[in-house]
Amino acid sequence: MTGNVNRPDGRGGGADAGAELSGVFDMIIAREPEPPLGDLASAALAGGRRLRRRRRAVQAVGVSAALVLAVLGVSALGGSASGPAQPVLPAQSPSPEPAPDSGVGPRPEPPDELAPYPEVPVDEGPLEQPGPS
């Protein structure tokens, strides 16, 4: 690109136009003093502290909500009983019942206090065998 710039006043630009522009910028900068750096640094520190406090508050709320949900979950899963927990009692064994005779081994004798089975009369006649009719 060439150094010629179309200006409204009809003058063309060139190497002297860049020097002129540089001089104008130097005058503008010389008129206004730089802002003090202390104000910028203290403002940045205050903003950083504010952000840190906000993040900590959000984290605290998140942790609290997680703990509440965990407690509710544990109580919903494990605490289905409506009252206080009852103590666990040992299981009582049922009264001993005679085991069915498997036909293996000696047969136990009945105790003396039990009465023997009553005698049932048996017909001494021949047994009828069912046969083909």
Protein backbone atom coordinates (compact mmCIF):
# COMPACT_ATOMS: atom_id res chain seq x y z
CA MET A 1 0.00 0.00 0.00
CA THR A 2 1.26 3.39 -0.79
CA GLY A 3 1.44 6.21 1.71
CA ASN A 4 -1.19 8.28 -0.18
CA VAL A 5 -4.37 8.77 1.81
CA ASN A 6 -7.36 10.65 0.45
CA ARG A 7 -8.17 13.41 2.88
CA PRO A 8 -11.22 15.67 2.78
CA ASP A 9 -9.03 18.77 2.51
CA GLY A 10 -7.43 17.44 -0.66
CA ARG A 11 -3.96 16.95 0.71
CA GLY A 12 -2.40 13.56 0.22
CA GLY A 13 -0.68 11.64 2.98
CA GLY A 14 2.88 10.50 3.05
CA ALA A 15 5.78 9.95 5.43
CA ASP A 16 5.18 13.34 7.00
CA ALA A 17 1.53 12.37 7.72
CA GLY A 18 2.71 9.52 10.01
CA ALA A 19 4.99 11.89 11.91
CA GLU A 20 2.17 14.39 12.23
CA LEU A 21 -0.18 11.73 13.60
CA SER A 22 2.44 10.54 16.06
CA GLY A 23 2.87 14.08 17.34
CA VAL A 24 -0.88 14.44 17.88
CA PHE A 25 -0.96 11.22 19.94
CA ASP A 26 1.98 12.40 22.04
CA MET A 27 0.15 15.67 22.82
CA ILE A 28 -3.01 13.79 23.88
CA ILE A 29 -1.06 11.48 26.18
CA ALA A 30 0.89 14.38 27.71
CA ARG A 31 -2.28 16.26 28.66
CA GLU A 32 -3.91 13.47 30.73
CA PRO A 33 -1.95 11.89 33.58
CA GLU A 34 -1.97 8.13 33.99
CA PRO A 35 -4.36 6.79 36.61
CA PRO A 36 -2.66 5.73 39.82
CA LEU A 37 -1.84 2.04 39.85
CA GLY A 38 -2.80 1.66 43.51
CA ASP A 39 -6.46 2.23 42.74
CA LEU A 40 -6.40 -0.38 39.99
CA ALA A 41 -4.62 -2.96 42.13
CA SER A 42 -6.88 -2.43 45.14
CA ALA A 43 -9.98 -2.67 42.91
CA ALA A 44 -8.69 -5.91 41.39
CA LEU A 45 -7.95 -7.34 44.86
CA ALA A 46 -11.40 -6.38 46.12
CA GLY A 47 -13.01 -7.98 43.05
CA GLY A 48 -11.00 -11.17 43.59
CA ARG A 49 -12.04 -11.36 47.23
CA ARG A 50 -15.67 -10.86 46.26
CA LEU A 51 -15.47 -13.69 43.71
CA ARG A 52 -13.76 -15.99 46.24
CA ARG A 53 -16.48 -15.32 48.85
CA ARG A 54 -19.19 -15.99 46.29
CA ARG A 55 -17.58 -19.29 45.22
CA ARG A 56 -17.22 -20.41 48.84
CA ALA A 57 -20.86 -19.59 49.55
CA VAL A 58 -22.00 -21.55 46.49
CA GLN A 59 -19.82 -24.51 47.51
CA ALA A 60 -21.20 -24.43 51.06
CA VAL A 61 -24.77 -24.45 49.77
CA GLY A 62 -23.95 -27.32 47.41
CA VAL A 63 -22.33 -29.42 50.14
CA SER A 64 -25.24 -28.75 52.49
CA ALA A 65 -27.76 -29.78 49.85
CA ALA A 66 -25.81 -32.96 49.13
CA LEU A 67 -25.73 -33.86 52.84
CA VAL A 68 -29.47 -33.27 53.19
CA LEU A 69 -30.16 -35.50 50.17
CA ALA A 70 -27.86 -38.21 51.53
CA VAL A 71 -29.58 -38.19 54.93
CA LEU A 72 -33.01 -38.31 53.31
CA GLY A 73 -31.92 -41.17 51.05
CA VAL A 74 -30.52 -43.21 53.92
CA SER A 75 -33.59 -42.63 56.05
CA ALA A 76 -35.91 -43.55 53.16
CA LEU A 77 -34.04 -46.77 52.38
CA GLY A 78 -33.14 -47.97 55.86
CA GLY A 79 -35.71 -46.44 58.16
CA SER A 80 -38.95 -47.88 56.82
CA ALA A 81 -40.14 -48.77 60.37
CA SER A 82 -42.32 -46.08 61.89
CA GLY A 83 -41.26 -46.58 65.52
CA PRO A 84 -38.09 -47.21 67.44
CA ALA A 85 -36.25 -50.38 66.60
CA GLN A 86 -37.37 -53.43 68.58
CA PRO A 87 -34.70 -55.63 70.15
CA VAL A 88 -34.03 -58.87 68.34
CA LEU A 89 -35.08 -61.87 70.43
CA PRO A 90 -33.50 -65.29 69.99
CA ALA A 91 -35.57 -67.71 67.99
CA GLN A 92 -37.52 -70.17 70.09
CA SER A 93 -37.24 -73.74 68.99
CA PRO A 94 -40.55 -75.50 68.37
CA SER A 95 -41.58 -78.41 70.54
CA PRO A 96 -39.87 -81.56 69.36
CA GLU A 97 -42.03 -83.59 67.01
CA PRO A 98 -41.22 -87.14 66.09
CA ALA A 99 -39.34 -87.37 62.87
CA PRO A 100 -40.99 -89.46 60.19
CA ASP A 101 -39.68 -93.02 60.11
CA SER A 102 -37.29 -93.37 57.24
CA GLY A 103 -37.07 -97.12 57.74
CA VAL A 104 -33.37 -97.00 58.38
CA GLY A 105 -31.89 -97.92 61.75
CA PRO A 106 -33.48 -99.26 64.90
CA ARG A 107 -36.94 -98.16 65.80
CA PRO A 108 -37.18 -96.31 69.10
CA GLU A 109 -39.32 -97.85 71.82
CA PRO A 110 -42.32 -95.82 72.87
CA PRO A 111 -42.13 -94.35 76.36
CA ASP A 112 -43.86 -96.22 79.18
CA GLU A 113 -46.43 -93.55 79.92
CA LEU A 114 -48.05 -93.90 76.49
CA ALA A 115 -50.78 -96.49 76.11
CA PRO A 116 -50.25 -99.18 73.47
CA TYR A 117 -52.39 -99.13 70.39
CA PRO A 118 -55.73 -100.87 70.88
CA GLU A 119 -56.13 -104.32 69.39
CA VAL A 120 -58.15 -104.36 66.23
CA PRO A 121 -60.02 -107.61 65.49
CA VAL A 122 -59.04 -109.13 62.20
CA ASP A 123 -61.37 -111.35 60.22
CA GLU A 124 -59.73 -114.70 59.98
CA GLY A 125 -61.45 -115.57 56.69
CA PRO A 126 -59.75 -115.78 53.33
CA LEU A 127 -58.87 -112.49 51.72
CA GLU A 128 -60.63 -111.77 48.53
CA GLN A 129 -58.31 -110.89 45.74
CA PRO A 130 -59.72 -108.79 43.00
CA GLY A 131 -59.34 -110.54 39.76
CA PRO A 132 -60.47 -110.33 36.19
CA SER A 133 -64.21 -110.58 36.00
